[in-house]
Amino acid sequence: AARADQLVLCAPATAETLRMIDDRVLSLVKPTAHLINVARGTLVDH
């Protein structure tokens, strides 16, 4: 998350990936970053 300019989610939906993109992870990203989710909606805390 800290290094990516384009952060792409393409992992399966599991208990481990549930809401993995949360406040903590989003506090690490660059303010210029772009998040792309093509996995499952449950990976992101909307």
All heavy atoms as atom14 arrays in JSON, in Angstrom:
{
  "sequence": "AARADQLVLCAPATAETLRMIDDRVLSLVKPTAHLINVARGTLVDH",
  "atom14_mask": [
    [1, 1, 1, 1, 1, 0, 0, 0, 0, 0, 0, 0, 0, 0],
    [1, 1, 1, 1, 1, 0, 0, 0, 0, 0, 0, 0, 0, 0],
    [1, 1, 1, 1, 1, 1, 1, 1, 1, 1, 1, 0, 0, 0],
    [1, 1, 1, 1, 1, 0, 0, 0, 0, 0, 0, 0, 0, 0],
    [1, 1, 1, 1, 1, 1, 1, 1, 0, 0, 0, 0, 0, 0],
    [1, 1, 1, 1, 1, 1, 1, 1, 1, 0, 0, 0, 0, 0],
    [1, 1, 1, 1, 1, 1, 1, 1, 0, 0, 0, 0, 0, 0],
    [1, 1, 1, 1, 1, 1, 1, 0, 0, 0, 0, 0, 0, 0],
    [1, 1, 1, 1, 1, 1, 1, 1, 0, 0, 0, 0, 0, 0],
    [1, 1, 1, 1, 1, 1, 0, 0, 0, 0, 0, 0, 0, 0],
    [1, 1, 1, 1, 1, 0, 0, 0, 0, 0, 0, 0, 0, 0],
    [1, 1, 1, 1, 1, 1, 1, 0, 0, 0, 0, 0, 0, 0],
    [1, 1, 1, 1, 1, 0, 0, 0, 0, 0, 0, 0, 0, 0],
    [1, 1, 1, 1, 1, 1, 1, 0, 0, 0, 0, 0, 0, 0],
    [1, 1, 1, 1, 1, 0, 0, 0, 0, 0, 0, 0, 0, 0],
    [1, 1, 1, 1, 1, 1, 1, 1, 1, 0, 0, 0, 0, 0],
    [1, 1, 1, 1, 1, 1, 1, 0, 0, 0, 0, 0, 0, 0],
    [1, 1, 1, 1, 1, 1, 1, 1, 0, 0, 0, 0, 0, 0],
    [1, 1, 1, 1, 1, 1, 1, 1, 1, 1, 1, 0, 0, 0],
    [1, 1, 1, 1, 1, 1, 1, 1, 0, 0, 0, 0, 0, 0],
    [1, 1, 1, 1, 1, 1, 1, 1, 0, 0, 0, 0, 0, 0],
    [1, 1, 1, 1, 1, 1, 1, 1, 0, 0, 0, 0, 0, 0],
    [1, 1, 1, 1, 1, 1, 1, 1, 0, 0, 0, 0, 0, 0],
    [1, 1, 1, 1, 1, 1, 1, 1, 1, 1, 1, 0, 0, 0],
    [1, 1, 1, 1, 1, 1, 1, 0, 0, 0, 0, 0, 0, 0],
    [1, 1, 1, 1, 1, 1, 1, 1, 0, 0, 0, 0, 0, 0],
    [1, 1, 1, 1, 1, 1, 0, 0, 0, 0, 0, 0, 0, 0],
    [1, 1, 1, 1, 1, 1, 1, 1, 0, 0, 0, 0, 0, 0],
    [1, 1, 1, 1, 1, 1, 1, 0, 0, 0, 0, 0, 0, 0],
    [1, 1, 1, 1, 1, 1, 1, 1, 1, 0, 0, 0, 0, 0],
    [1, 1, 1, 1, 1, 1, 1, 0, 0, 0, 0, 0, 0, 0],
    [1, 1, 1, 1, 1, 1, 1, 0, 0, 0, 0, 0, 0, 0],
    [1, 1, 1, 1, 1, 0, 0, 0, 0, 0, 0, 0, 0, 0],
    [1, 1, 1, 1, 1, 1, 1, 1, 1, 1, 0, 0, 0, 0],
    [1, 1, 1, 1, 1, 1, 1, 1, 0, 0, 0, 0, 0, 0],
    [1, 1, 1, 1, 1, 1, 1, 1, 0, 0, 0, 0, 0, 0],
    [1, 1, 1, 1, 1, 1, 1, 1, 0, 0, 0, 0, 0, 0],
    [1, 1, 1, 1, 1, 1, 1, 0, 0, 0, 0, 0, 0, 0],
    [1, 1, 1, 1, 1, 0, 0, 0, 0, 0, 0, 0, 0, 0],
    [1, 1, 1, 1, 1, 1, 1, 1, 1, 1, 1, 0, 0, 0],
    [1, 1, 1, 1, 0, 0, 0, 0, 0, 0, 0, 0, 0, 0],
    [1, 1, 1, 1, 1, 1, 1, 0, 0, 0, 0, 0, 0, 0],
    [1, 1, 1, 1, 1, 1, 1, 1, 0, 0, 0, 0, 0, 0],
    [1, 1, 1, 1, 1, 1, 1, 0, 0, 0, 0, 0, 0, 0],
    [1, 1, 1, 1, 1, 1, 1, 1, 0, 0, 0, 0, 0, 0],
    [1, 1, 1, 1, 1, 1, 1, 1, 1, 1, 0, 0, 0, 0]
  ],
  "atom14_positions": [
    [[0.82, -1.21, 0.0], [0.0, 0.0, 0.0], [0.85, 1.25, 0.0], [0.52, 2.25, -0.66], [-0.94, 0.0, 1.2], [0.0, 0.0, 0.0], [0.0, 0.0, 0.0], [0.0, 0.0, 0.0], [0.0, 0.0, 0.0], [0.0, 0.0, 0.0], [0.0, 0.0, 0.0], [0.0, 0.0, 0.0], [0.0, 0.0, 0.0], [0.0, 0.0, 0.0]],
    [[1.95, 1.23, 0.72], [2.8, 2.41, 0.83], [3.55, 2.71, -0.46], [3.84, 3.87, -0.77], [3.79, 2.23, 1.99], [0.0, 0.0, 0.0], [0.0, 0.0, 0.0], [0.0, 0.0, 0.0], [0.0, 0.0, 0.0], [0.0, 0.0, 0.0], [0.0, 0.0, 0.0], [0.0, 0.0, 0.0], [0.0, 0.0, 0.0], [0.0, 0.0, 0.0]],
    [[3.86, 1.68, -1.24], [4.67, 1.88, -2.44], [3.86, 2.04, -3.72], [4.36, 2.62, -4.7], [5.63, 0.7, -2.61], [6.72, 0.63, -1.58], [7.59, -0.61, -1.76], [8.16, -0.7, -3.11], [8.87, -1.75, -3.54], [9.08, -2.78, -2.74], [9.36, -1.77, -4.77], [0.0, 0.0, 0.0], [0.0, 0.0, 0.0], [0.0, 0.0, 0.0]],
    [[2.64, 1.56, -3.75], [1.89, 1.48, -5.02], [1.34, 2.83, -5.46], [0.79, 3.6, -4.66], [0.75, 0.48, -4.88], [0.0, 0.0, 0.0], [0.0, 0.0, 0.0], [0.0, 0.0, 0.0], [0.0, 0.0, 0.0], [0.0, 0.0, 0.0], [0.0, 0.0, 0.0], [0.0, 0.0, 0.0], [0.0, 0.0, 0.0], [0.0, 0.0, 0.0]],
    [[1.5, 3.11, -6.75], [0.79, 4.22, -7.38], [-0.58, 3.75, -7.87], [-1.55, 4.51, -7.86], [1.59, 4.76, -8.57], [2.94, 5.3, -8.15], [2.98, 6.27, -7.38], [3.97, 4.73, -8.59], [0.0, 0.0, 0.0], [0.0, 0.0, 0.0], [0.0, 0.0, 0.0], [0.0, 0.0, 0.0], [0.0, 0.0, 0.0], [0.0, 0.0, 0.0]],
    [[-0.62, 2.5, -8.32], [-1.86, 1.85, -8.74], [-2.0, 0.59, -7.9], [-1.21, -0.34, -8.04], [-1.81, 1.5, -10.23], [-1.51, 2.67, -11.16], [-2.7, 3.57, -11.39], [-3.85, 3.18, -11.16], [-2.45, 4.78, -11.86], [0.0, 0.0, 0.0], [0.0, 0.0, 0.0], [0.0, 0.0, 0.0], [0.0, 0.0, 0.0], [0.0, 0.0, 0.0]],
    [[-2.95, 0.57, -6.99], [-3.14, -0.55, -6.06], [-4.32, -1.37, -6.53], [-5.47, -0.91, -6.52], [-3.38, -0.02, -4.65], [-3.59, -1.05, -3.53], [-2.39, -1.97, -3.4], [-3.88, -0.35, -2.21], [0.0, 0.0, 0.0], [0.0, 0.0, 0.0], [0.0, 0.0, 0.0], [0.0, 0.0, 0.0], [0.0, 0.0, 0.0], [0.0, 0.0, 0.0]],
    [[-4.06, -2.6, -6.97], [-5.09, -3.42, -7.6], [-5.42, -4.63, -6.72], [-4.52, -5.39, -6.34], [-4.63, -3.91, -9.0], [-5.74, -4.74, -9.66], [-4.25, -2.73, -9.88], [0.0, 0.0, 0.0], [0.0, 0.0, 0.0], [0.0, 0.0, 0.0], [0.0, 0.0, 0.0], [0.0, 0.0, 0.0], [0.0, 0.0, 0.0], [0.0, 0.0, 0.0]],
    [[-6.7, -4.81, -6.45], [-7.17, -5.94, -5.64], [-7.66, -7.04, -6.57], [-8.63, -6.85, -7.32], [-8.3, -5.5, -4.71], [-8.06, -4.25, -3.87], [-9.26, -3.97, -2.97], [-6.79, -4.38, -3.05], [0.0, 0.0, 0.0], [0.0, 0.0, 0.0], [0.0, 0.0, 0.0], [0.0, 0.0, 0.0], [0.0, 0.0, 0.0], [0.0, 0.0, 0.0]],
    [[-7.0, -8.19, -6.54], [-7.42, -9.32, -7.37], [-7.26, -10.62, -6.58], [-6.93, -11.66, -7.13], [-6.65, -9.37, -8.69], [-4.86, -9.14, -8.56], [0.0, 0.0, 0.0], [0.0, 0.0, 0.0], [0.0, 0.0, 0.0], [0.0, 0.0, 0.0], [0.0, 0.0, 0.0], [0.0, 0.0, 0.0], [0.0, 0.0, 0.0], [0.0, 0.0, 0.0]],
    [[-7.52, -10.55, -5.28], [-7.45, -11.71, -4.4], [-8.86, -12.26, -4.16], [-9.84, -11.52, -4.25], [-6.81, -11.32, -3.07], [0.0, 0.0, 0.0], [0.0, 0.0, 0.0], [0.0, 0.0, 0.0], [0.0, 0.0, 0.0], [0.0, 0.0, 0.0], [0.0, 0.0, 0.0], [0.0, 0.0, 0.0], [0.0, 0.0, 0.0], [0.0, 0.0, 0.0]],
    [[-8.99, -13.53, -3.84], [-10.32, -14.09, -3.57], [-10.89, -13.6, -2.25], [-10.16, -13.08, -1.39], [-10.05, -15.6, -3.54], [-8.61, -15.72, -3.17], [-7.93, -14.55, -3.78], [0.0, 0.0, 0.0], [0.0, 0.0, 0.0], [0.0, 0.0, 0.0], [0.0, 0.0, 0.0], [0.0, 0.0, 0.0], [0.0, 0.0, 0.0], [0.0, 0.0, 0.0]],
    [[-12.19, -13.75, -2.1], [-12.87, -13.37, -0.86], [-12.73, -14.5, 0.16], [-13.23, -15.6, -0.06], [-14.33, -13.08, -1.13], [0.0, 0.0, 0.0], [0.0, 0.0, 0.0], [0.0, 0.0, 0.0], [0.0, 0.0, 0.0], [0.0, 0.0, 0.0], [0.0, 0.0, 0.0], [0.0, 0.0, 0.0], [0.0, 0.0, 0.0], [0.0, 0.0, 0.0]],
    [[-12.03, -14.22, 1.24], [-11.87, -15.17, 2.33], [-12.0, -14.42, 3.65], [-12.07, -13.18, 3.67], [-10.48, -15.84, 2.28], [-9.47, -14.84, 2.51], [-10.23, -16.52, 0.93], [0.0, 0.0, 0.0], [0.0, 0.0, 0.0], [0.0, 0.0, 0.0], [0.0, 0.0, 0.0], [0.0, 0.0, 0.0], [0.0, 0.0, 0.0], [0.0, 0.0, 0.0]],
    [[-11.98, -15.15, 4.75], [-12.0, -14.49, 6.05], [-10.77, -13.6, 6.22], [-10.82, -12.56, 6.88], [-12.05, -15.55, 7.16], [0.0, 0.0, 0.0], [0.0, 0.0, 0.0], [0.0, 0.0, 0.0], [0.0, 0.0, 0.0], [0.0, 0.0, 0.0], [0.0, 0.0, 0.0], [0.0, 0.0, 0.0], [0.0, 0.0, 0.0], [0.0, 0.0, 0.0]],
    [[-9.68, -14.0, 5.61], [-8.42, -13.25, 5.72], [-8.46, -11.94, 4.95], [-7.85, -10.95, 5.36], [-7.28, -14.13, 5.2], [-5.89, -13.59, 5.46], [-4.83, -14.56, 4.98], [-4.75, -14.81, 3.76], [-4.09, -15.09, 5.84], [0.0, 0.0, 0.0], [0.0, 0.0, 0.0], [0.0, 0.0, 0.0], [0.0, 0.0, 0.0], [0.0, 0.0, 0.0]],
    [[-9.18, -11.91, 3.83], [-9.21, -10.69, 3.01], [-10.42, -9.81, 3.3], [-10.54, -8.72, 2.73], [-9.22, -11.04, 1.51], [-10.39, -11.82, 1.2], [-7.97, -11.82, 1.13], [0.0, 0.0, 0.0], [0.0, 0.0, 0.0], [0.0, 0.0, 0.0], [0.0, 0.0, 0.0], [0.0, 0.0, 0.0], [0.0, 0.0, 0.0], [0.0, 0.0, 0.0]],
    [[-11.31, -10.23, 4.19], [-12.51, -9.46, 4.5], [-12.14, -8.08, 5.04], [-11.41, -7.97, 6.03], [-13.37, -10.21, 5.52], [-14.67, -9.53, 5.95], [-15.64, -9.43, 4.78], [-15.3, -10.29, 7.12], [0.0, 0.0, 0.0], [0.0, 0.0, 0.0], [0.0, 0.0, 0.0], [0.0, 0.0, 0.0], [0.0, 0.0, 0.0], [0.0, 0.0, 0.0]],
    [[-12.62, -7.02, 4.35], [-12.38, -5.63, 4.74], [-10.9, -5.34, 4.95], [-10.52, -4.55, 5.82], [-13.15, -5.28, 6.02], [-14.62, -5.64, 6.0], [-15.44, -4.64, 5.18], [-16.86, -4.9, 5.34], [-17.57, -5.7, 4.55], [-16.99, -6.32, 3.54], [-18.86, -5.87, 4.75], [0.0, 0.0, 0.0], [0.0, 0.0, 0.0], [0.0, 0.0, 0.0]],
    [[-10.04, -5.96, 4.18], [-8.6, -5.76, 4.36], [-8.18, -4.33, 4.01], [-7.2, -3.81, 4.56], [-7.81, -6.76, 3.53], [-7.9, -6.6, 2.03], [-6.99, -7.89, 1.12], [-5.39, -7.8, 1.84], [0.0, 0.0, 0.0], [0.0, 0.0, 0.0], [0.0, 0.0, 0.0], [0.0, 0.0, 0.0], [0.0, 0.0, 0.0], [0.0, 0.0, 0.0]],
    [[-8.9, -3.68, 3.1], [-8.62, -2.28, 2.79], [-9.47, -1.44, 3.73], [-10.63, -1.12, 3.46], [-8.91, -1.97, 1.31], [-8.14, -2.92, 0.4], [-8.55, -0.53, 1.0], [-6.63, -2.89, 0.57], [0.0, 0.0, 0.0], [0.0, 0.0, 0.0], [0.0, 0.0, 0.0], [0.0, 0.0, 0.0], [0.0, 0.0, 0.0], [0.0, 0.0, 0.0]],
    [[-8.87, -1.11, 4.88], [-9.58, -0.42, 5.94], [-8.89, 0.91, 6.24], [-8.0, 1.35, 5.51], [-9.66, -1.3, 7.19], [-8.29, -1.78, 7.67], [-7.26, -1.24, 7.18], [-8.23, -2.68, 8.53], [0.0, 0.0, 0.0], [0.0, 0.0, 0.0], [0.0, 0.0, 0.0], [0.0, 0.0, 0.0], [0.0, 0.0, 0.0], [0.0, 0.0, 0.0]],
    [[-9.3, 1.56, 7.32], [-8.72, 2.85, 7.68], [-7.21, 2.76, 7.85], [-6.47, 3.65, 7.42], [-9.35, 3.38, 8.97], [-10.73, 3.99, 8.73], [-10.85, 4.88, 7.87], [-11.68, 3.56, 9.4], [0.0, 0.0, 0.0], [0.0, 0.0, 0.0], [0.0, 0.0, 0.0], [0.0, 0.0, 0.0], [0.0, 0.0, 0.0], [0.0, 0.0, 0.0]],
    [[-6.74, 1.69, 8.48], [-5.31, 1.56, 8.74], [-4.52, 1.45, 7.44], [-3.52, 2.16, 7.25], [-5.05, 0.33, 9.62], [-3.6, 0.23, 10.1], [-3.35, -1.12, 10.74], [-3.45, -2.21, 9.77], [-2.48, -2.5, 8.91], [-1.36, -1.79, 8.86], [-2.63, -3.5, 8.05], [0.0, 0.0, 0.0], [0.0, 0.0, 0.0], [0.0, 0.0, 0.0]],
    [[-4.97, 0.57, 6.54], [-4.25, 0.41, 5.26], [-4.34, 1.68, 4.44], [-3.36, 2.12, 3.83], [-4.81, -0.8, 4.48], [-4.25, -0.84, 3.07], [-4.47, -2.1, 5.22], [0.0, 0.0, 0.0], [0.0, 0.0, 0.0], [0.0, 0.0, 0.0], [0.0, 0.0, 0.0], [0.0, 0.0, 0.0], [0.0, 0.0, 0.0], [0.0, 0.0, 0.0]],
    [[-5.52, 2.32, 4.44], [-5.68, 3.53, 3.65], [-4.89, 4.7, 4.22], [-4.62, 5.67, 3.51], [-7.16, 3.89, 3.54], [-7.97, 2.94, 2.64], [-9.47, 3.17, 2.81], [-7.58, 3.11, 1.17], [0.0, 0.0, 0.0], [0.0, 0.0, 0.0], [0.0, 0.0, 0.0], [0.0, 0.0, 0.0], [0.0, 0.0, 0.0], [0.0, 0.0, 0.0]],
    [[-4.47, 4.61, 5.47], [-3.62, 5.65, 6.04], [-2.18, 5.53, 5.53], [-1.38, 6.46, 5.7], [-3.62, 5.57, 7.57], [-2.91, 4.43, 8.02], [0.0, 0.0, 0.0], [0.0, 0.0, 0.0], [0.0, 0.0, 0.0], [0.0, 0.0, 0.0], [0.0, 0.0, 0.0], [0.0, 0.0, 0.0], [0.0, 0.0, 0.0], [0.0, 0.0, 0.0]],
    [[-1.86, 4.39, 4.91], [-0.5, 4.14, 4.44], [-0.31, 4.52, 2.97], [0.82, 4.66, 2.51], [-0.15, 2.66, 4.62], [-0.25, 2.1, 6.04], [-0.03, 0.6, 6.04], [0.75, 2.78, 6.96], [0.0, 0.0, 0.0], [0.0, 0.0, 0.0], [0.0, 0.0, 0.0], [0.0, 0.0, 0.0], [0.0, 0.0, 0.0], [0.0, 0.0, 0.0]],
    [[-1.39, 4.63, 2.21], [-1.26, 4.84, 0.77], [-0.81, 6.26, 0.46], [-0.99, 7.19, 1.26], [-2.59, 4.55, 0.03], [-3.05, 3.13, 0.26], [-3.67, 5.55, 0.43], [0.0, 0.0, 0.0], [0.0, 0.0, 0.0], [0.0, 0.0, 0.0], [0.0, 0.0, 0.0], [0.0, 0.0, 0.0], [0.0, 0.0, 0.0], [0.0, 0.0, 0.0]],
    [[-0.23, 6.42, -0.73], [0.11, 7.76, -1.2], [-1.17, 8.55, -1.5], [-2.14, 7.97, -2.0], [0.93, 7.66, -2.49], [2.23, 6.88, -2.39], [2.86, 6.76, -3.78], [4.12, 5.92, -3.73], [4.75, 5.79, -5.09], [0.0, 0.0, 0.0], [0.0, 0.0, 0.0], [0.0, 0.0, 0.0], [0.0, 0.0, 0.0], [0.0, 0.0, 0.0]],
    [[-1.18, 9.83, -1.22], [-2.38, 10.62, -1.57], [-2.61, 10.7, -3.08], [-3.71, 11.06, -3.51], [-2.09, 12.0, -0.97], [-0.61, 12.06, -0.8], [-0.17, 10.65, -0.53], [0.0, 0.0, 0.0], [0.0, 0.0, 0.0], [0.0, 0.0, 0.0], [0.0, 0.0, 0.0], [0.0, 0.0, 0.0], [0.0, 0.0, 0.0], [0.0, 0.0, 0.0]],
    [[-1.6, 10.34, -3.86], [-1.74, 10.32, -5.33], [-2.11, 8.95, -5.86], [-2.18, 8.75, -7.08], [-0.41, 10.76, -5.98], [0.65, 9.91, -5.5], [-0.09, 12.21, -5.64], [0.0, 0.0, 0.0], [0.0, 0.0, 0.0], [0.0, 0.0, 0.0], [0.0, 0.0, 0.0], [0.0, 0.0, 0.0], [0.0, 0.0, 0.0], [0.0, 0.0, 0.0]],
    [[-2.36, 7.98, -4.97], [-2.59, 6.6, -5.41], [-4.0, 6.41, -5.96], [-4.93, 7.17, -5.68], [-2.36, 5.64, -4.25], [0.0, 0.0, 0.0], [0.0, 0.0, 0.0], [0.0, 0.0, 0.0], [0.0, 0.0, 0.0], [0.0, 0.0, 0.0], [0.0, 0.0, 0.0], [0.0, 0.0, 0.0], [0.0, 0.0, 0.0], [0.0, 0.0, 0.0]],
    [[-4.14, 5.35, -6.75], [-5.4, 4.96, -7.38], [-5.68, 3.52, -6.96], [-4.87, 2.63, -7.19], [-5.25, 5.08, -8.9], [-6.45, 4.64, -9.69], [-6.35, 4.18, -10.99], [-7.77, 4.58, -9.38], [-7.55, 3.9, -11.44], [-8.43, 4.12, -10.49], [0.0, 0.0, 0.0], [0.0, 0.0, 0.0], [0.0, 0.0, 0.0], [0.0, 0.0, 0.0]],
    [[-6.83, 3.27, -6.34], [-7.25, 1.94, -5.92], [-8.19, 1.35, -6.97], [-9.16, 2.0, -7.38], [-7.96, 2.01, -4.57], [-8.6, 0.71, -4.07], [-7.52, -0.3, -3.66], [-9.54, 0.98, -2.9], [0.0, 0.0, 0.0], [0.0, 0.0, 0.0], [0.0, 0.0, 0.0], [0.0, 0.0, 0.0], [0.0, 0.0, 0.0], [0.0, 0.0, 0.0]],
    [[-7.92, 0.11, -7.39], [-8.76, -0.58, -8.36], [-9.17, -1.92, -7.76], [-8.32, -2.73, -7.38], [-8.02, -0.82, -9.69], [-7.5, 0.49, -10.28], [-8.94, -1.52, -10.69], [-6.59, 0.3, -11.48], [0.0, 0.0, 0.0], [0.0, 0.0, 0.0], [0.0, 0.0, 0.0], [0.0, 0.0, 0.0], [0.0, 0.0, 0.0], [0.0, 0.0, 0.0]],
    [[-10.47, -2.17, -7.68], [-10.95, -3.44, -7.12], [-11.67, -4.24, -8.2], [-12.74, -3.86, -8.68], [-11.9, -3.21, -5.94], [-12.23, -4.51, -5.21], [-11.7, -5.57, -5.53], [-13.11, -4.42, -4.22], [0.0, 0.0, 0.0], [0.0, 0.0, 0.0], [0.0, 0.0, 0.0], [0.0, 0.0, 0.0], [0.0, 0.0, 0.0], [0.0, 0.0, 0.0]],
    [[-11.08, -5.38, -8.59], [-11.71, -6.3, -9.53], [-11.87, -7.68, -8.89], [-12.03, -8.68, -9.58], [-10.89, -6.42, -10.84], [-11.0, -5.14, -11.66], [-9.42, -6.75, -10.56], [0.0, 0.0, 0.0], [0.0, 0.0, 0.0], [0.0, 0.0, 0.0], [0.0, 0.0, 0.0], [0.0, 0.0, 0.0], [0.0, 0.0, 0.0], [0.0, 0.0, 0.0]],
    [[-11.85, -7.72, -7.57], [-11.93, -8.98, -6.83], [-13.36, -9.2, -6.34], [-14.23, -9.67, -7.07], [-10.92, -8.97, -5.69], [0.0, 0.0, 0.0], [0.0, 0.0, 0.0], [0.0, 0.0, 0.0], [0.0, 0.0, 0.0], [0.0, 0.0, 0.0], [0.0, 0.0, 0.0], [0.0, 0.0, 0.0], [0.0, 0.0, 0.0], [0.0, 0.0, 0.0]],
    [[-13.59, -8.86, -5.09], [-14.91, -8.89, -4.47], [-15.07, -7.61, -3.66], [-14.11, -7.1, -3.08], [-15.06, -10.1, -3.54], [-15.23, -11.43, -4.26], [-16.62, -11.58, -4.86], [-16.89, -12.92, -5.33], [-16.68, -13.34, -6.57], [-16.19, -12.51, -7.48], [-16.97, -14.58, -6.93], [0.0, 0.0, 0.0], [0.0, 0.0, 0.0], [0.0, 0.0, 0.0]],
    [[-16.3, -7.12, -3.6], [-16.55, -5.89, -2.85], [-16.2, -6.01, -1.39], [-15.87, -5.01, -0.74], [0.0, 0.0, 0.0], [0.0, 0.0, 0.0], [0.0, 0.0, 0.0], [0.0, 0.0, 0.0], [0.0, 0.0, 0.0], [0.0, 0.0, 0.0], [0.0, 0.0, 0.0], [0.0, 0.0, 0.0], [0.0, 0.0, 0.0], [0.0, 0.0, 0.0]],
    [[-16.25, -7.22, -0.84], [-16.0, -7.41, 0.58], [-14.54, -7.17, 0.98], [-14.23, -7.12, 2.16], [-16.4, -8.84, 1.0], [-15.73, -9.79, 0.16], [-17.9, -9.03, 0.89], [0.0, 0.0, 0.0], [0.0, 0.0, 0.0], [0.0, 0.0, 0.0], [0.0, 0.0, 0.0], [0.0, 0.0, 0.0], [0.0, 0.0, 0.0], [0.0, 0.0, 0.0]],
    [[-13.64, -7.02, 0.03], [-12.25, -6.74, 0.37], [-12.06, -5.31, 0.87], [-11.03, -4.99, 1.47], [-11.32, -6.97, -0.84], [-10.77, -8.4, -1.02], [-11.88, -9.39, -1.33], [-9.71, -8.43, -2.1], [0.0, 0.0, 0.0], [0.0, 0.0, 0.0], [0.0, 0.0, 0.0], [0.0, 0.0, 0.0], [0.0, 0.0, 0.0], [0.0, 0.0, 0.0]],
    [[-13.03, -4.45, 0.59], [-12.89, -3.02, 0.91], [-13.93, -2.62, 1.95], [-15.11, -2.93, 1.83], [-13.07, -2.17, -0.36], [-13.01, -0.67, -0.03], [-12.01, -2.52, -1.39], [0.0, 0.0, 0.0], [0.0, 0.0, 0.0], [0.0, 0.0, 0.0], [0.0, 0.0, 0.0], [0.0, 0.0, 0.0], [0.0, 0.0, 0.0], [0.0, 0.0, 0.0]],
    [[-13.47, -1.89, 2.97], [-14.37, -1.22, 3.91], [-14.81, 0.07, 3.23], [-14.05, 1.03, 3.14], [-13.62, -0.93, 5.21], [-14.49, -0.23, 6.25], [-15.45, 0.45, 5.87], [-14.19, -0.34, 7.45], [0.0, 0.0, 0.0], [0.0, 0.0, 0.0], [0.0, 0.0, 0.0], [0.0, 0.0, 0.0], [0.0, 0.0, 0.0], [0.0, 0.0, 0.0]],
    [[-16.03, 0.11, 2.72], [-16.46, 1.24, 1.91], [-16.59, 2.53, 2.71], [-16.4, 3.63, 2.16], [-17.78, 0.91, 1.21], [-17.62, -0.06, 0.08], [-17.42, -1.39, 0.29], [-17.6, 0.12, -1.27], [-17.28, -2.0, -0.88], [-17.38, -1.1, -1.84], [0.0, 0.0, 0.0], [0.0, 0.0, 0.0], [0.0, 0.0, 0.0], [0.0, 0.0, 0.0]]
  ]
}
